[in-house]
Amino acid sequence: MENIFLPLRRIIILQGIEGSPGRELSNEMLQRLLKSQCHSCSIAEVNEQINWLECRGYVMAERLGDSGLVVAHITRPGIDVALGNTRAEGIEAPPEA
């Protein structure tokens, strides 16, 4: 059974990347962002969500050598989901402004 918080974590990730300078964030920064939203998780769990979003075309992941650092870049479809312009299965809708 999938963790019920994953759809919420995914929208937090997308919105965080969309709102960042350059529209990119590292897995370490995403981990901090999630923790600030009361979603403490490991780097491995963050990487799983980056991979999930990448497989569906919402982000592009840049893996930097053997360091374990992953930089997620949001794509146009990811921006649309982050802004609430479109809905995506498995991703929570953004809260109403």
PDB file of N, CA and C in Angstrom:
ATOM      1  N   MET A   1       0.847  -1.183   0.000  1.00  0.00           N
ATOM      2  CA  MET A   1       0.000   0.000   0.000  1.00  0.00           C
ATOM      3  C   MET A   1       0.895   1.250   0.000  1.00  0.00           C
ATOM      4  N   GLU A   2       0.565   2.194  -0.859  1.00  0.00           N
ATOM      5  CA  GLU A   2       1.363   3.417  -0.973  1.00  0.00           C
ATOM      6  C   GLU A   2       1.109   4.339   0.219  1.00  0.00           C
ATOM      7  N   ASN A   3       2.147   5.005   0.658  1.00  0.00           N
ATOM      8  CA  ASN A   3       2.077   5.986   1.736  1.00  0.00           C
ATOM      9  C   ASN A   3       1.087   7.083   1.335  1.00  0.00           C
ATOM     10  N   ILE A   4       0.127   7.366   2.199  1.00  0.00           N
ATOM     11  CA  ILE A   4      -0.914   8.349   1.870  1.00  0.00           C
ATOM     12  C   ILE A   4      -0.376   9.772   1.772  1.00  0.00           C
ATOM     13  N   PHE A   5       0.842  10.011   2.288  1.00  0.00           N
ATOM     14  CA  PHE A   5       1.415  11.347   2.246  1.00  0.00           C
ATOM     15  C   PHE A   5       2.209  11.614   0.964  1.00  0.00           C
ATOM     16  N   LEU A   6       2.458  10.587   0.139  1.00  0.00           N
ATOM     17  CA  LEU A   6       3.277  10.782  -1.056  1.00  0.00           C
ATOM     18  C   LEU A   6       2.694  11.804  -2.026  1.00  0.00           C
ATOM     19  N   PRO A   7       1.385  11.797  -2.320  1.00  0.00           N
ATOM     20  CA  PRO A   7       0.856  12.835  -3.219  1.00  0.00           C
ATOM     21  C   PRO A   7       1.100  14.254  -2.711  1.00  0.00           C
ATOM     22  N   LEU A   8       1.016  14.444  -1.385  1.00  0.00           N
ATOM     23  CA  LEU A   8       1.277  15.761  -0.814  1.00  0.00           C
ATOM     24  C   LEU A   8       2.756  16.107  -0.913  1.00  0.00           C
ATOM     25  N   ARG A   9       3.632  15.142  -0.646  1.00  0.00           N
ATOM     26  CA  ARG A   9       5.069  15.380  -0.782  1.00  0.00           C
ATOM     27  C   ARG A   9       5.421  15.764  -2.218  1.00  0.00           C
ATOM     28  N   ARG A  10       4.770  15.131  -3.172  1.00  0.00           N
ATOM     29  CA  ARG A  10       5.079  15.414  -4.589  1.00  0.00           C
ATOM     30  C   ARG A  10       4.712  16.844  -4.971  1.00  0.00           C
ATOM     31  N   ILE A  11       3.570  17.343  -4.494  1.00  0.00           N
ATOM     32  CA  ILE A  11       3.215  18.722  -4.842  1.00  0.00           C
ATOM     33  C   ILE A  11       4.128  19.695  -4.106  1.00  0.00           C
ATOM     34  N   ILE A  12       4.541  19.373  -2.894  1.00  0.00           N
ATOM     35  CA  ILE A  12       5.485  20.227  -2.173  1.00  0.00           C
ATOM     36  C   ILE A  12       6.793  20.308  -2.956  1.00  0.00           C
ATOM     37  N   ILE A  13       7.259  19.175  -3.464  1.00  0.00           N
ATOM     38  CA  ILE A  13       8.491  19.137  -4.260  1.00  0.00           C
ATOM     39  C   ILE A  13       8.333  19.989  -5.514  1.00  0.00           C
ATOM     40  N   LEU A  14       7.247  19.774  -6.261  1.00  0.00           N
ATOM     41  CA  LEU A  14       7.048  20.527  -7.504  1.00  0.00           C
ATOM     42  C   LEU A  14       6.932  22.021  -7.240  1.00  0.00           C
ATOM     43  N   GLN A  15       6.168  22.394  -6.234  1.00  0.00           N
ATOM     44  CA  GLN A  15       6.014  23.819  -5.941  1.00  0.00           C
ATOM     45  C   GLN A  15       7.321  24.431  -5.456  1.00  0.00           C
ATOM     46  N   GLY A  16       8.086  23.664  -4.701  1.00  0.00           N
ATOM     47  CA  GLY A  16       9.377  24.161  -4.233  1.00  0.00           C
ATOM     48  C   GLY A  16      10.331  24.413  -5.383  1.00  0.00           C
ATOM     49  N   ILE A  17      10.382  23.471  -6.313  1.00  0.00           N
ATOM     50  CA  ILE A  17      11.265  23.634  -7.479  1.00  0.00           C
ATOM     51  C   ILE A  17      10.776  24.789  -8.347  1.00  0.00           C
ATOM     52  N   GLU A  18       9.467  24.851  -8.575  1.00  0.00           N
ATOM     53  CA  GLU A  18       8.900  25.908  -9.433  1.00  0.00           C
ATOM     54  C   GLU A  18       9.191  27.286  -8.864  1.00  0.00           C
ATOM     55  N   GLY A  19       9.195  27.415  -7.549  1.00  0.00           N
ATOM     56  CA  GLY A  19       9.396  28.717  -6.931  1.00  0.00           C
ATOM     57  C   GLY A  19      10.845  29.082  -6.657  1.00  0.00           C
ATOM     58  N   SER A  20      11.753  28.206  -7.006  1.00  0.00           N
ATOM     59  CA  SER A  20      13.171  28.465  -6.712  1.00  0.00           C
ATOM     60  C   SER A  20      13.853  29.175  -7.878  1.00  0.00           C
ATOM     61  N   PRO A  21      14.919  29.915  -7.594  1.00  0.00           N
ATOM     62  CA  PRO A  21      15.686  30.541  -8.668  1.00  0.00           C
ATOM     63  C   PRO A  21      16.227  29.467  -9.616  1.00  0.00           C
ATOM     64  N   GLY A  22      16.043  29.666 -10.887  1.00  0.00           N
ATOM     65  CA  GLY A  22      16.506  28.688 -11.866  1.00  0.00           C
ATOM     66  C   GLY A  22      15.602  27.476 -11.999  1.00  0.00           C
ATOM     67  N   ARG A  23      14.542  27.438 -11.200  1.00  0.00           N
ATOM     68  CA  ARG A  23      13.590  26.319 -11.209  1.00  0.00           C
ATOM     69  C   ARG A  23      14.290  24.969 -11.085  1.00  0.00           C
ATOM     70  N   GLU A  24      15.194  24.884 -10.100  1.00  0.00           N
ATOM     71  CA  GLU A  24      15.896  23.643  -9.810  1.00  0.00           C
ATOM     72  C   GLU A  24      16.241  23.611  -8.330  1.00  0.00           C
ATOM     73  N   LEU A  25      16.237  22.405  -7.749  1.00  0.00           N
ATOM     74  CA  LEU A  25      16.641  22.211  -6.362  1.00  0.00           C
ATOM     75  C   LEU A  25      17.330  20.864  -6.240  1.00  0.00           C
ATOM     76  N   SER A  26      18.294  20.789  -5.334  1.00  0.00           N
ATOM     77  CA  SER A  26      18.979  19.520  -5.078  1.00  0.00           C
ATOM     78  C   SER A  26      18.131  18.642  -4.162  1.00  0.00           C
ATOM     79  N   ASN A  27      18.465  17.362  -4.140  1.00  0.00           N
ATOM     80  CA  ASN A  27      17.760  16.444  -3.251  1.00  0.00           C
ATOM     81  C   ASN A  27      17.922  16.861  -1.792  1.00  0.00           C
ATOM     82  N   GLU A  28      19.084  17.417  -1.439  1.00  0.00           N
ATOM     83  CA  GLU A  28      19.298  17.869  -0.065  1.00  0.00           C
ATOM     84  C   GLU A  28      18.405  19.064   0.283  1.00  0.00           C
ATOM     85  N   MET A  29      18.257  19.993  -0.643  1.00  0.00           N
ATOM     86  CA  MET A  29      17.369  21.138  -0.408  1.00  0.00           C
ATOM     87  C   MET A  29      15.907  20.684  -0.357  1.00  0.00           C
ATOM     88  N   LEU A  30      15.545  19.729  -1.193  1.00  0.00           N
ATOM     89  CA  LEU A  30      14.173  19.212  -1.162  1.00  0.00           C
ATOM     90  C   LEU A  30      13.902  18.499   0.163  1.00  0.00           C
ATOM     91  N   GLN A  31      14.896  17.803   0.687  1.00  0.00           N
ATOM     92  CA  GLN A  31      14.745  17.149   1.987  1.00  0.00           C
ATOM     93  C   GLN A  31      14.464  18.207   3.066  1.00  0.00           C
ATOM     94  N   ARG A  32      15.202  19.315   3.022  1.00  0.00           N
ATOM     95  CA  ARG A  32      14.988  20.405   3.991  1.00  0.00           C
ATOM     96  C   ARG A  32      13.607  21.032   3.819  1.00  0.00           C
ATOM     97  N   LEU A  33      13.210  21.234   2.571  1.00  0.00           N
ATOM     98  CA  LEU A  33      11.888  21.798   2.295  1.00  0.00           C
ATOM     99  C   LEU A  33      10.797  20.897   2.857  1.00  0.00           C
ATOM    100  N   LEU A  34      10.891  19.599   2.588  1.00  0.00           N
ATOM    101  CA  LEU A  34       9.891  18.663   3.103  1.00  0.00           C
ATOM    102  C   LEU A  34       9.865  18.674   4.628  1.00  0.00           C
ATOM    103  N   LYS A  35      11.039  18.710   5.252  1.00  0.00           N
ATOM    104  CA  LYS A  35      11.100  18.737   6.715  1.00  0.00           C
ATOM    105  C   LYS A  35      10.434  19.994   7.254  1.00  0.00           C
ATOM    106  N   SER A  36      10.617  21.124   6.568  1.00  0.00           N
ATOM    107  CA  SER A  36       9.993  22.377   7.009  1.00  0.00           C
ATOM    108  C   SER A  36       8.471  22.314   6.925  1.00  0.00           C
ATOM    109  N   GLN A  37       7.958  21.375   6.121  1.00  0.00           N
ATOM    110  CA  GLN A  37       6.511  21.181   5.971  1.00  0.00           C
ATOM    111  C   GLN A  37       6.032  19.959   6.765  1.00  0.00           C
ATOM    112  N   CYS A  38       6.853  19.536   7.748  1.00  0.00           N
ATOM    113  CA  CYS A  38       6.527  18.399   8.635  1.00  0.00           C
ATOM    114  C   CYS A  38       6.496  17.062   7.907  1.00  0.00           C
ATOM    115  N   HIS A  39       7.337  16.910   6.901  1.00  0.00           N
ATOM    116  CA  HIS A  39       7.462  15.655   6.161  1.00  0.00           C
ATOM    117  C   HIS A  39       8.913  15.198   6.193  1.00  0.00           C
ATOM    118  N   SER A  40       9.399  14.835   7.367  1.00  0.00           N
ATOM    119  CA  SER A  40      10.778  14.367   7.495  1.00  0.00           C
ATOM    120  C   SER A  40      10.936  13.052   6.736  1.00  0.00           C
ATOM    121  N   CYS A  41      11.972  12.967   5.913  1.00  0.00           N
ATOM    122  CA  CYS A  41      12.240  11.751   5.163  1.00  0.00           C
ATOM    123  C   CYS A  41      13.722  11.693   4.800  1.00  0.00           C
ATOM    124  N   SER A  42      14.167  10.511   4.457  1.00  0.00           N
ATOM    125  CA  SER A  42      15.571  10.302   4.116  1.00  0.00           C
ATOM    126  C   SER A  42      15.865  10.801   2.704  1.00  0.00           C
ATOM    127  N   ILE A  43      17.145  10.954   2.406  1.00  0.00           N
ATOM    128  CA  ILE A  43      17.564  11.309   1.043  1.00  0.00           C
ATOM    129  C   ILE A  43      17.091  10.239   0.071  1.00  0.00           C
ATOM    130  N   ALA A  44      17.160   8.982   0.476  1.00  0.00           N
ATOM    131  CA  ALA A  44      16.698   7.882  -0.392  1.00  0.00           C
ATOM    132  C   ALA A  44      15.221   8.058  -0.738  1.00  0.00           C
ATOM    133  N   GLU A  45      14.416   8.469   0.240  1.00  0.00           N
ATOM    134  CA  GLU A  45      12.991   8.694  -0.019  1.00  0.00           C
ATOM    135  C   GLU A  45      12.780   9.895  -0.941  1.00  0.00           C
ATOM    136  N   VAL A  46      13.569  10.945  -0.757  1.00  0.00           N
ATOM    137  CA  VAL A  46      13.490  12.104  -1.651  1.00  0.00           C
ATOM    138  C   VAL A  46      13.860  11.678  -3.068  1.00  0.00           C
ATOM    139  N   ASN A  47      14.931  10.908  -3.194  1.00  0.00           N
ATOM    140  CA  ASN A  47      15.353  10.432  -4.515  1.00  0.00           C
ATOM    141  C   ASN A  47      14.277   9.571  -5.173  1.00  0.00           C
ATOM    142  N   GLU A  48      13.567   8.761  -4.389  1.00  0.00           N
ATOM    143  CA  GLU A  48      12.462   7.958  -4.927  1.00  0.00           C
ATOM    144  C   GLU A  48      11.392   8.856  -5.531  1.00  0.00           C
ATOM    145  N   GLN A  49      11.077   9.965  -4.860  1.00  0.00           N
ATOM    146  CA  GLN A  49      10.056  10.877  -5.371  1.00  0.00           C
ATOM    147  C   GLN A  49      10.546  11.639  -6.602  1.00  0.00           C
ATOM    148  N   ILE A  50      11.826  12.007  -6.606  1.00  0.00           N
ATOM    149  CA  ILE A  50      12.390  12.635  -7.809  1.00  0.00           C
ATOM    150  C   ILE A  50      12.298  11.659  -8.974  1.00  0.00           C
ATOM    151  N   ASN A  51      12.659  10.397  -8.745  1.00  0.00           N
ATOM    152  CA  ASN A  51      12.571   9.381  -9.806  1.00  0.00           C
ATOM    153  C   ASN A  51      11.140   9.203 -10.283  1.00  0.00           C
ATOM    154  N   TRP A  52      10.191   9.177  -9.348  1.00  0.00           N
ATOM    155  CA  TRP A  52       8.774   9.010  -9.688  1.00  0.00           C
ATOM    156  C   TRP A  52       8.321  10.173 -10.580  1.00  0.00           C
ATOM    157  N   LEU A  53       8.670  11.384 -10.174  1.00  0.00           N
ATOM    158  CA  LEU A  53       8.289  12.561 -10.955  1.00  0.00           C
ATOM    159  C   LEU A  53       8.999  12.594 -12.309  1.00  0.00           C
ATOM    160  N   GLU A  54      10.242  12.151 -12.354  1.00  0.00           N
ATOM    161  CA  GLU A  54      10.985  12.117 -13.613  1.00  0.00           C
ATOM    162  C   GLU A  54      10.381  11.110 -14.591  1.00  0.00           C
ATOM    163  N   CYS A  55       9.999   9.942 -14.100  1.00  0.00           N
ATOM    164  CA  CYS A  55       9.393   8.914 -14.966  1.00  0.00           C
ATOM    165  C   CYS A  55       8.102   9.401 -15.621  1.00  0.00           C
ATOM    166  N   ARG A  56       7.450  10.354 -14.997  1.00  0.00           N
ATOM    167  CA  ARG A  56       6.182  10.878 -15.520  1.00  0.00           C
ATOM    168  C   ARG A  56       6.353  12.207 -16.248  1.00  0.00           C
ATOM    169  N   GLY A  57       7.590  12.671 -16.375  1.00  0.00           N
ATOM    170  CA  GLY A  57       7.869  13.872 -17.157  1.00  0.00           C
ATOM    171  C   GLY A  57       7.688  15.191 -16.440  1.00  0.00           C
ATOM    172  N   TYR A  58       7.578  15.187 -15.103  1.00  0.00           N
ATOM    173  CA  TYR A  58       7.367  16.432 -14.369  1.00  0.00           C
ATOM    174  C   TYR A  58       8.670  17.112 -13.955  1.00  0.00           C
ATOM    175  N   VAL A  59       9.749  16.346 -13.868  1.00  0.00           N
ATOM    176  CA  VAL A  59      11.072  16.894 -13.597  1.00  0.00           C
ATOM    177  C   VAL A  59      12.097  16.161 -14.445  1.00  0.00           C
ATOM    178  N   MET A  60      13.259  16.783 -14.599  1.00  0.00           N
ATOM    179  CA  MET A  60      14.433  16.126 -15.168  1.00  0.00           C
ATOM    180  C   MET A  60      15.463  16.087 -14.046  1.00  0.00           C
ATOM    181  N   ALA A  61      16.060  14.922 -13.826  1.00  0.00           N
ATOM    182  CA  ALA A  61      17.025  14.774 -12.739  1.00  0.00           C
ATOM    183  C   ALA A  61      18.439  14.743 -13.302  1.00  0.00           C
ATOM    184  N   GLU A  62      19.290  15.528 -12.699  1.00  0.00           N
ATOM    185  CA  GLU A  62      20.701  15.565 -13.047  1.00  0.00           C
ATOM    186  C   GLU A  62      21.465  14.928 -11.887  1.00  0.00           C
ATOM    187  N   ARG A  63      22.066  13.774 -12.153  1.00  0.00           N
ATOM    188  CA  ARG A  63      22.806  13.049 -11.124  1.00  0.00           C
ATOM    189  C   ARG A  63      24.279  13.401 -11.242  1.00  0.00           C
ATOM    190  N   LEU A  64      24.839  13.955 -10.168  1.00  0.00           N
ATOM    191  CA  LEU A  64      26.193  14.494 -10.207  1.00  0.00           C
ATOM    192  C   LEU A  64      27.204  13.485  -9.657  1.00  0.00           C
ATOM    193  N   GLY A  65      27.710  12.640 -10.540  1.00  0.00           N
ATOM    194  CA  GLY A  65      28.763  11.686 -10.201  1.00  0.00           C
ATOM    195  C   GLY A  65      28.395  10.752  -9.072  1.00  0.00           C
ATOM    196  N   ASP A  66      29.404  10.379  -8.298  1.00  0.00           N
ATOM    197  CA  ASP A  66      29.215   9.441  -7.194  1.00  0.00           C
ATOM    198  C   ASP A  66      28.881  10.140  -5.885  1.00  0.00           C
ATOM    199  N   SER A  67      28.667  11.432  -5.931  1.00  0.00           N
ATOM    200  CA  SER A  67      28.424  12.208  -4.712  1.00  0.00           C
ATOM    201  C   SER A  67      27.067  11.920  -4.086  1.00  0.00           C
ATOM    202  N   GLY A  68      26.139  11.379  -4.876  1.00  0.00           N
ATOM    203  CA  GLY A  68      24.786  11.166  -4.394  1.00  0.00           C
ATOM    204  C   GLY A  68      23.905  12.389  -4.558  1.00  0.00           C
ATOM    205  N   LEU A  69      24.501  13.478  -5.036  1.00  0.00           N
ATOM    206  CA  LEU A  69      23.730  14.702  -5.234  1.00  0.00           C
ATOM    207  C   LEU A  69      22.908  14.589  -6.509  1.00  0.00           C
ATOM    208  N   VAL A  70      21.638  14.904  -6.384  1.00  0.00           N
ATOM    209  CA  VAL A  70      20.715  14.913  -7.516  1.00  0.00           C
ATOM    210  C   VAL A  70      20.083  16.295  -7.568  1.00  0.00           C
ATOM    211  N   VAL A  71      20.098  16.902  -8.733  1.00  0.00           N
ATOM    212  CA  VAL A  71      19.453  18.196  -8.922  1.00  0.00           C
ATOM    213  C   VAL A  71      18.230  17.978  -9.804  1.00  0.00           C
ATOM    214  N   ALA A  72      17.074  18.370  -9.299  1.00  0.00           N
ATOM    215  CA  ALA A  72      15.817  18.217 -10.034  1.00  0.00           C
ATOM    216  C   ALA A  72      15.464  19.539 -10.705  1.00  0.00           C
ATOM    217  N   HIS A  73      15.201  19.476 -12.004  1.00  0.00           N
ATOM    218  CA  HIS A  73      14.796  20.632 -12.813  1.00  0.00           C
ATOM    219  C   HIS A  73      13.339  20.401 -13.227  1.00  0.00           C
ATOM    220  N   ILE A  74      12.480  21.360 -12.978  1.00  0.00           N
ATOM    221  CA  ILE A  74      11.068  21.190 -13.319  1.00  0.00           C
ATOM    222  C   ILE A  74      10.853  21.368 -14.826  1.00  0.00           C
ATOM    223  N   THR A  75       9.944  20.596 -15.383  1.00  0.00           N
ATOM    224  CA  THR A  75       9.588  20.687 -16.804  1.00  0.00           C
ATOM    225  C   THR A  75       8.305  21.505 -16.950  1.00  0.00           C
ATOM    226  N   ARG A  76       7.941  21.815 -18.179  1.00  0.00           N
ATOM    227  CA  ARG A  76       6.698  22.570 -18.424  1.00  0.00           C
ATOM    228  C   ARG A  76       5.480  21.843 -17.847  1.00  0.00           C
ATOM    229  N   PRO A  77       5.326  20.516 -18.066  1.00  0.00           N
ATOM    230  CA  PRO A  77       4.184  19.840 -17.432  1.00  0.00           C
ATOM    231  C   PRO A  77       4.239  19.910 -15.903  1.00  0.00           C
ATOM    232  N   GLY A  78       5.431  19.865 -15.327  1.00  0.00           N
ATOM    233  CA  GLY A  78       5.581  19.979 -13.882  1.00  0.00           C
ATOM    234  C   GLY A  78       5.162  21.346 -13.378  1.00  0.00           C
ATOM    235  N   ILE A  79       5.490  22.374 -14.140  1.00  0.00           N
ATOM    236  CA  ILE A  79       5.072  23.737 -13.781  1.00  0.00           C
ATOM    237  C   ILE A  79       3.552  23.830 -13.780  1.00  0.00           C
ATOM    238  N   ASP A  80       2.919  23.263 -14.800  1.00  0.00           N
ATOM    239  CA  ASP A  80       1.454  23.297 -14.874  1.00  0.00           C
ATOM    240  C   ASP A  80       0.807  22.618 -13.669  1.00  0.00           C
ATOM    241  N   VAL A  81       1.375  21.495 -13.235  1.00  0.00           N
ATOM    242  CA  VAL A  81       0.842  20.801 -12.059  1.00  0.00           C
ATOM    243  C   VAL A  81       1.101  21.629 -10.803  1.00  0.00           C
ATOM    244  N   ALA A  82       2.313  22.167 -10.660  1.00  0.00           N
ATOM    245  CA  ALA A  82       2.672  22.958  -9.484  1.00  0.00           C
ATOM    246  C   ALA A  82       1.775  24.180  -9.323  1.00  0.00           C
ATOM    247  N   LEU A  83       1.402  24.792 -10.427  1.00  0.00           N
ATOM    248  CA  LEU A  83       0.564  25.998 -10.398  1.00  0.00           C
ATOM    249  C   LEU A  83      -0.928  25.698 -10.355  1.00  0.00           C
ATOM    250  N   GLY A  84      -1.285  24.423 -10.457  1.00  0.00           N
ATOM    251  CA  GLY A  84      -2.694  24.047 -10.420  1.00  0.00           C
ATOM    252  C   GLY A  84      -3.410  24.216 -11.737  1.00  0.00           C
ATOM    253  N   ASN A  85      -2.651  24.381 -12.830  1.00  0.00           N
ATOM    254  CA  ASN A  85      -3.273  24.529 -14.155  1.00  0.00           C
ATOM    255  C   ASN A  85      -3.759  23.202 -14.706  1.00  0.00           C
ATOM    256  N   THR A  86      -3.222  22.111 -14.186  1.00  0.00           N
ATOM    257  CA  THR A  86      -3.643  20.771 -14.594  1.00  0.00           C
ATOM    258  C   THR A  86      -3.511  19.849 -13.406  1.00  0.00           C
ATOM    259  N   ARG A  87      -4.305  18.796 -13.390  1.00  0.00           N
ATOM    260  CA  ARG A  87      -4.249  17.783 -12.331  1.00  0.00           C
ATOM    261  C   ARG A  87      -3.453  16.598 -12.828  1.00  0.00           C
ATOM    262  N   ALA A  88      -2.807  15.897 -11.896  1.00  0.00           N
ATOM    263  CA  ALA A  88      -2.019  14.717 -12.224  1.00  0.00           C
ATOM    264  C   ALA A  88      -2.292  13.630 -11.201  1.00  0.00           C
ATOM    265  N   GLU A  89      -2.547  12.430 -11.684  1.00  0.00           N
ATOM    266  CA  GLU A  89      -2.777  11.295 -10.793  1.00  0.00           C
ATOM    267  C   GLU A  89      -1.532  11.060  -9.935  1.00  0.00           C
ATOM    268  N   GLY A  90      -1.747  10.872  -8.650  1.00  0.00           N
ATOM    269  CA  GLY A  90      -0.654  10.603  -7.728  1.00  0.00           C
ATOM    270  C   GLY A  90      -0.005  11.838  -7.141  1.00  0.00           C
ATOM    271  N   ILE A  91      -0.531  13.025  -7.513  1.00  0.00           N
ATOM    272  CA  ILE A  91      -0.008  14.293  -6.992  1.00  0.00           C
ATOM    273  C   ILE A  91      -1.176  15.096  -6.447  1.00  0.00           C
ATOM    274  N   GLU A  92      -1.040  15.521  -5.197  1.00  0.00           N
ATOM    275  CA  GLU A  92      -2.082  16.334  -4.556  1.00  0.00           C
ATOM    276  C   GLU A  92      -2.288  17.635  -5.337  1.00  0.00           C
ATOM    277  N   ALA A  93      -3.515  18.070  -5.429  1.00  0.00           N
ATOM    278  CA  ALA A  93      -3.776  19.375  -6.036  1.00  0.00           C
ATOM    279  C   ALA A  93      -3.232  20.452  -5.099  1.00  0.00           C
ATOM    280  N   PRO A  94      -2.663  21.525  -5.654  1.00  0.00           N
ATOM    281  CA  PRO A  94      -2.164  22.592  -4.776  1.00  0.00           C
ATOM    282  C   PRO A  94      -3.302  23.225  -4.005  1.00  0.00           C
ATOM    283  N   PRO A  95      -3.007  23.687  -2.788  1.00  0.00           N
ATOM    284  CA  PRO A  95      -4.059  24.361  -2.011  1.00  0.00           C
ATOM    285  C   PRO A  95      -4.516  25.626  -2.731  1.00  0.00           C
ATOM    286  N   GLU A  96      -5.771  25.942  -2.540  1.00  0.00           N
ATOM    287  CA  GLU A  96      -6.338  27.162  -3.152  1.00  0.00           C
ATOM    288  C   GLU A  96      -5.677  28.383  -2.531  1.00  0.00           C
ATOM    289  N   ALA A  97      -5.362  29.354  -3.354  1.00  0.00           N
ATOM    290  CA  ALA A  97      -4.737  30.588  -2.851  1.00  0.00           C
ATOM    291  C   ALA A  97      -5.780  31.486  -2.236  1.00  0.00           C
TER     292      ALA A  97
END
